[in-house]
Amino acid sequence: MPYFIAGLKIAGGLSLIGAVVAEFTAGAAGKETGLASRILEASFRTEIPKMFAALVLVSLTGIMIYLVFMGVSKLVLGKWHEREIKSSQ
């Protein structure tokens, strides 16, 4: 079980990276585009503050995904796995 949850923490961040890179390369059609399209659009128009704002939002999303899985890890493994017991003391 600890290995599964560790894999979820890693996969959560990598899935966000994969989504952003896929949107960079393939693009998104329509009006409802994601943050990666906003980053590209801002860089083409040299709107540096908008580009960095979208980059910060993507970074915060990755951090939130990691923290959610960290909370799941503490909830599921809290009193069962040795590492979680040591980190809570």
N, C-alpha and C. Protein backbone atom coordinates (compact mmCIF):
# COMPACT_ATOMS: atom_id res chain seq x y z
N MET A 1 0.80 -1.20 0.00
CA MET A 1 0.00 0.00 0.00
C MET A 1 0.85 1.28 0.00
N PRO A 2 1.96 1.36 0.75
CA PRO A 2 2.77 2.58 0.72
C PRO A 2 3.35 2.85 -0.67
N TYR A 3 3.70 1.79 -1.40
CA TYR A 3 4.26 1.98 -2.73
C TYR A 3 3.21 2.51 -3.70
N PHE A 4 1.97 2.05 -3.53
CA PHE A 4 0.87 2.52 -4.37
C PHE A 4 0.63 4.01 -4.16
N ILE A 5 0.63 4.43 -2.92
CA ILE A 5 0.38 5.85 -2.62
C ILE A 5 1.56 6.70 -3.07
N ALA A 6 2.77 6.21 -2.94
CA ALA A 6 3.93 6.94 -3.45
C ALA A 6 3.83 7.08 -4.96
N GLY A 7 3.36 6.05 -5.62
CA GLY A 7 3.16 6.12 -7.06
C GLY A 7 2.10 7.13 -7.45
N LEU A 8 1.04 7.25 -6.63
CA LEU A 8 0.01 8.25 -6.90
C LEU A 8 0.57 9.67 -6.79
N LYS A 9 1.43 9.90 -5.79
CA LYS A 9 2.02 11.23 -5.64
C LYS A 9 2.86 11.60 -6.86
N ILE A 10 3.62 10.65 -7.36
CA ILE A 10 4.46 10.89 -8.54
C ILE A 10 3.60 11.04 -9.78
N ALA A 11 2.62 10.15 -9.94
CA ALA A 11 1.77 10.17 -11.14
C ALA A 11 0.91 11.43 -11.21
N GLY A 12 0.52 11.97 -10.07
CA GLY A 12 -0.27 13.20 -10.07
C GLY A 12 0.48 14.35 -10.71
N GLY A 13 1.72 14.54 -10.32
CA GLY A 13 2.53 15.61 -10.91
C GLY A 13 2.86 15.35 -12.36
N LEU A 14 3.17 14.11 -12.68
CA LEU A 14 3.52 13.80 -14.07
C LEU A 14 2.31 13.93 -14.99
N SER A 15 1.12 13.65 -14.49
CA SER A 15 -0.06 13.81 -15.34
C SER A 15 -0.32 15.28 -15.65
N LEU A 16 -0.04 16.16 -14.71
CA LEU A 16 -0.17 17.59 -14.97
C LEU A 16 0.86 18.03 -16.01
N ILE A 17 2.08 17.57 -15.88
CA ILE A 17 3.12 17.89 -16.87
C ILE A 17 2.70 17.37 -18.24
N GLY A 18 2.18 16.16 -18.29
CA GLY A 18 1.74 15.59 -19.56
C GLY A 18 0.62 16.38 -20.19
N ALA A 19 -0.32 16.84 -19.38
CA ALA A 19 -1.43 17.63 -19.91
C ALA A 19 -0.96 18.97 -20.47
N VAL A 20 -0.03 19.62 -19.79
CA VAL A 20 0.48 20.91 -20.25
C VAL A 20 1.29 20.73 -21.53
N VAL A 21 2.15 19.72 -21.57
CA VAL A 21 2.96 19.49 -22.77
C VAL A 21 2.08 19.10 -23.95
N ALA A 22 1.05 18.29 -23.72
CA ALA A 22 0.14 17.91 -24.80
C ALA A 22 -0.58 19.13 -25.34
N GLU A 23 -0.96 20.03 -24.46
CA GLU A 23 -1.63 21.25 -24.93
C GLU A 23 -0.66 22.16 -25.67
N PHE A 24 0.60 22.18 -25.25
CA PHE A 24 1.61 22.95 -25.98
C PHE A 24 1.76 22.44 -27.41
N THR A 25 1.88 21.14 -27.55
CA THR A 25 2.18 20.57 -28.87
C THR A 25 0.95 20.42 -29.75
N ALA A 26 -0.14 19.91 -29.22
CA ALA A 26 -1.32 19.66 -30.04
C ALA A 26 -2.24 20.87 -30.09
N GLY A 27 -2.19 21.69 -29.09
CA GLY A 27 -3.09 22.83 -29.03
C GLY A 27 -4.46 22.42 -28.57
N ALA A 28 -5.28 23.40 -28.33
CA ALA A 28 -6.65 23.13 -27.91
C ALA A 28 -7.57 23.97 -28.79
N ALA A 29 -8.54 23.33 -29.38
CA ALA A 29 -9.47 24.04 -30.25
C ALA A 29 -10.64 24.57 -29.43
N GLY A 30 -11.17 25.68 -29.85
CA GLY A 30 -12.35 26.22 -29.20
C GLY A 30 -12.04 27.36 -28.26
N LYS A 31 -13.09 27.83 -27.60
CA LYS A 31 -12.96 28.98 -26.70
C LYS A 31 -12.43 28.58 -25.33
N GLU A 32 -12.72 27.38 -24.89
CA GLU A 32 -12.34 26.91 -23.55
C GLU A 32 -10.96 26.26 -23.59
N THR A 33 -9.92 27.07 -23.62
CA THR A 33 -8.56 26.54 -23.65
C THR A 33 -7.98 26.54 -22.24
N GLY A 34 -6.90 25.79 -22.06
CA GLY A 34 -6.29 25.66 -20.74
C GLY A 34 -5.18 26.66 -20.50
N LEU A 35 -4.49 26.47 -19.38
CA LEU A 35 -3.43 27.40 -19.00
C LEU A 35 -2.23 27.33 -19.93
N ALA A 36 -1.97 26.16 -20.51
CA ALA A 36 -0.83 26.06 -21.44
C ALA A 36 -1.06 26.92 -22.67
N SER A 37 -2.27 26.95 -23.16
CA SER A 37 -2.58 27.81 -24.30
C SER A 37 -2.45 29.28 -23.91
N ARG A 38 -2.82 29.59 -22.68
CA ARG A 38 -2.67 30.98 -22.22
C ARG A 38 -1.19 31.37 -22.13
N ILE A 39 -0.35 30.43 -21.72
CA ILE A 39 1.09 30.71 -21.66
C ILE A 39 1.64 30.97 -23.06
N LEU A 40 1.27 30.12 -24.01
CA LEU A 40 1.73 30.31 -25.39
C LEU A 40 1.21 31.61 -25.99
N GLU A 41 -0.06 31.88 -25.78
CA GLU A 41 -0.65 33.10 -26.31
C GLU A 41 0.03 34.34 -25.74
N ALA A 42 0.27 34.33 -24.44
CA ALA A 42 0.93 35.47 -23.80
C ALA A 42 2.36 35.62 -24.28
N SER A 43 3.04 34.51 -24.55
CA SER A 43 4.43 34.63 -25.03
C SER A 43 4.47 35.15 -26.46
N PHE A 44 3.49 34.78 -27.28
CA PHE A 44 3.44 35.30 -28.65
C PHE A 44 3.15 36.80 -28.66
N ARG A 45 2.36 37.26 -27.71
CA ARG A 45 2.00 38.68 -27.64
C ARG A 45 2.92 39.47 -26.71
N THR A 46 3.94 38.82 -26.20
CA THR A 46 4.90 39.39 -25.25
C THR A 46 4.22 40.03 -24.04
N GLU A 47 3.23 39.35 -23.51
CA GLU A 47 2.57 39.77 -22.27
C GLU A 47 3.17 38.95 -21.12
N ILE A 48 4.33 39.40 -20.68
CA ILE A 48 5.12 38.66 -19.70
C ILE A 48 4.38 38.46 -18.38
N PRO A 49 3.71 39.47 -17.80
CA PRO A 49 3.00 39.22 -16.53
C PRO A 49 1.90 38.17 -16.66
N LYS A 50 1.17 38.19 -17.76
CA LYS A 50 0.12 37.19 -17.97
C LYS A 50 0.73 35.79 -18.12
N MET A 51 1.86 35.71 -18.80
CA MET A 51 2.53 34.43 -18.99
C MET A 51 3.00 33.86 -17.65
N PHE A 52 3.60 34.68 -16.82
CA PHE A 52 4.08 34.20 -15.53
C PHE A 52 2.93 33.92 -14.57
N ALA A 53 1.82 34.65 -14.69
CA ALA A 53 0.66 34.35 -13.85
C ALA A 53 0.12 32.96 -14.17
N ALA A 54 0.03 32.63 -15.46
CA ALA A 54 -0.44 31.29 -15.84
C ALA A 54 0.56 30.22 -15.38
N LEU A 55 1.84 30.52 -15.47
CA LEU A 55 2.86 29.57 -15.02
C LEU A 55 2.77 29.33 -13.52
N VAL A 56 2.53 30.39 -12.76
CA VAL A 56 2.37 30.25 -11.31
C VAL A 56 1.14 29.42 -10.99
N LEU A 57 0.05 29.62 -11.73
CA LEU A 57 -1.16 28.83 -11.50
C LEU A 57 -0.94 27.35 -11.80
N VAL A 58 -0.19 27.05 -12.85
CA VAL A 58 0.13 25.65 -13.16
C VAL A 58 0.98 25.06 -12.04
N SER A 59 1.94 25.82 -11.56
CA SER A 59 2.80 25.34 -10.47
C SER A 59 1.99 25.10 -9.20
N LEU A 60 1.11 26.02 -8.86
CA LEU A 60 0.28 25.85 -7.67
C LEU A 60 -0.66 24.67 -7.80
N THR A 61 -1.14 24.41 -9.01
CA THR A 61 -1.98 23.23 -9.23
C THR A 61 -1.18 21.96 -8.97
N GLY A 62 0.06 21.90 -9.43
CA GLY A 62 0.91 20.74 -9.18
C GLY A 62 1.19 20.55 -7.70
N ILE A 63 1.42 21.64 -7.00
CA ILE A 63 1.67 21.55 -5.56
C ILE A 63 0.42 21.07 -4.84
N MET A 64 -0.74 21.55 -5.26
CA MET A 64 -2.00 21.12 -4.63
C MET A 64 -2.27 19.64 -4.87
N ILE A 65 -1.98 19.16 -6.07
CA ILE A 65 -2.15 17.73 -6.36
C ILE A 65 -1.26 16.91 -5.42
N TYR A 66 -0.01 17.33 -5.27
CA TYR A 66 0.91 16.61 -4.38
C TYR A 66 0.42 16.64 -2.94
N LEU A 67 -0.05 17.80 -2.47
CA LEU A 67 -0.50 17.91 -1.09
C LEU A 67 -1.76 17.08 -0.83
N VAL A 68 -2.63 16.99 -1.83
CA VAL A 68 -3.81 16.15 -1.68
C VAL A 68 -3.40 14.69 -1.50
N PHE A 69 -2.48 14.22 -2.33
CA PHE A 69 -2.05 12.84 -2.19
C PHE A 69 -1.22 12.62 -0.92
N MET A 70 -0.55 13.65 -0.44
CA MET A 70 0.15 13.55 0.84
C MET A 70 -0.86 13.39 1.97
N GLY A 71 -1.95 14.14 1.90
CA GLY A 71 -3.01 14.00 2.89
C GLY A 71 -3.67 12.63 2.85
N VAL A 72 -3.87 12.11 1.63
CA VAL A 72 -4.43 10.76 1.49
C VAL A 72 -3.47 9.74 2.10
N SER A 73 -2.17 9.96 1.88
CA SER A 73 -1.17 9.06 2.45
C SER A 73 -1.24 9.06 3.97
N LYS A 74 -1.32 10.23 4.58
CA LYS A 74 -1.40 10.30 6.05
C LYS A 74 -2.70 9.70 6.56
N LEU A 75 -3.78 9.89 5.82
CA LEU A 75 -5.08 9.36 6.23
C LEU A 75 -5.11 7.85 6.16
N VAL A 76 -4.60 7.29 5.07
CA VAL A 76 -4.66 5.85 4.87
C VAL A 76 -3.59 5.12 5.67
N LEU A 77 -2.38 5.67 5.71
CA LEU A 77 -1.26 4.97 6.34
C LEU A 77 -0.92 5.50 7.72
N GLY A 78 -1.71 6.42 8.24
CA GLY A 78 -1.40 7.13 9.48
C GLY A 78 -0.93 6.27 10.63
N LYS A 79 -1.69 5.26 11.01
CA LYS A 79 -1.32 4.44 12.18
C LYS A 79 -0.80 3.07 11.77
N TRP A 80 -0.59 2.89 10.50
CA TRP A 80 -0.22 1.56 10.02
C TRP A 80 1.24 1.47 9.57
N HIS A 81 1.73 2.46 8.87
CA HIS A 81 3.07 2.39 8.29
C HIS A 81 4.07 3.12 9.18
N GLU A 82 5.25 2.56 9.32
CA GLU A 82 6.27 3.07 10.23
C GLU A 82 6.70 4.49 9.89
N ARG A 83 6.85 4.80 8.61
CA ARG A 83 7.30 6.13 8.22
C ARG A 83 6.29 7.21 8.62
N GLU A 84 5.02 6.93 8.48
CA GLU A 84 4.00 7.90 8.85
C GLU A 84 3.92 8.09 10.36
N ILE A 85 4.19 7.05 11.11
CA ILE A 85 4.17 7.16 12.57
C ILE A 85 5.32 8.05 13.02
N LYS A 86 6.52 7.87 12.43
CA LYS A 86 7.68 8.68 12.82
C LYS A 86 7.52 10.14 12.43
N SER A 87 6.90 10.42 11.26
CA SER A 87 6.77 11.81 10.82
C SER A 87 5.74 12.58 11.63
N SER A 88 4.80 11.90 12.27
CA SER A 88 3.79 12.61 13.06
C SER A 88 4.26 12.89 14.49
N GLN A 89 5.36 12.31 14.95
CA GLN A 89 5.84 12.53 16.32
C GLN A 89 6.77 13.70 16.39
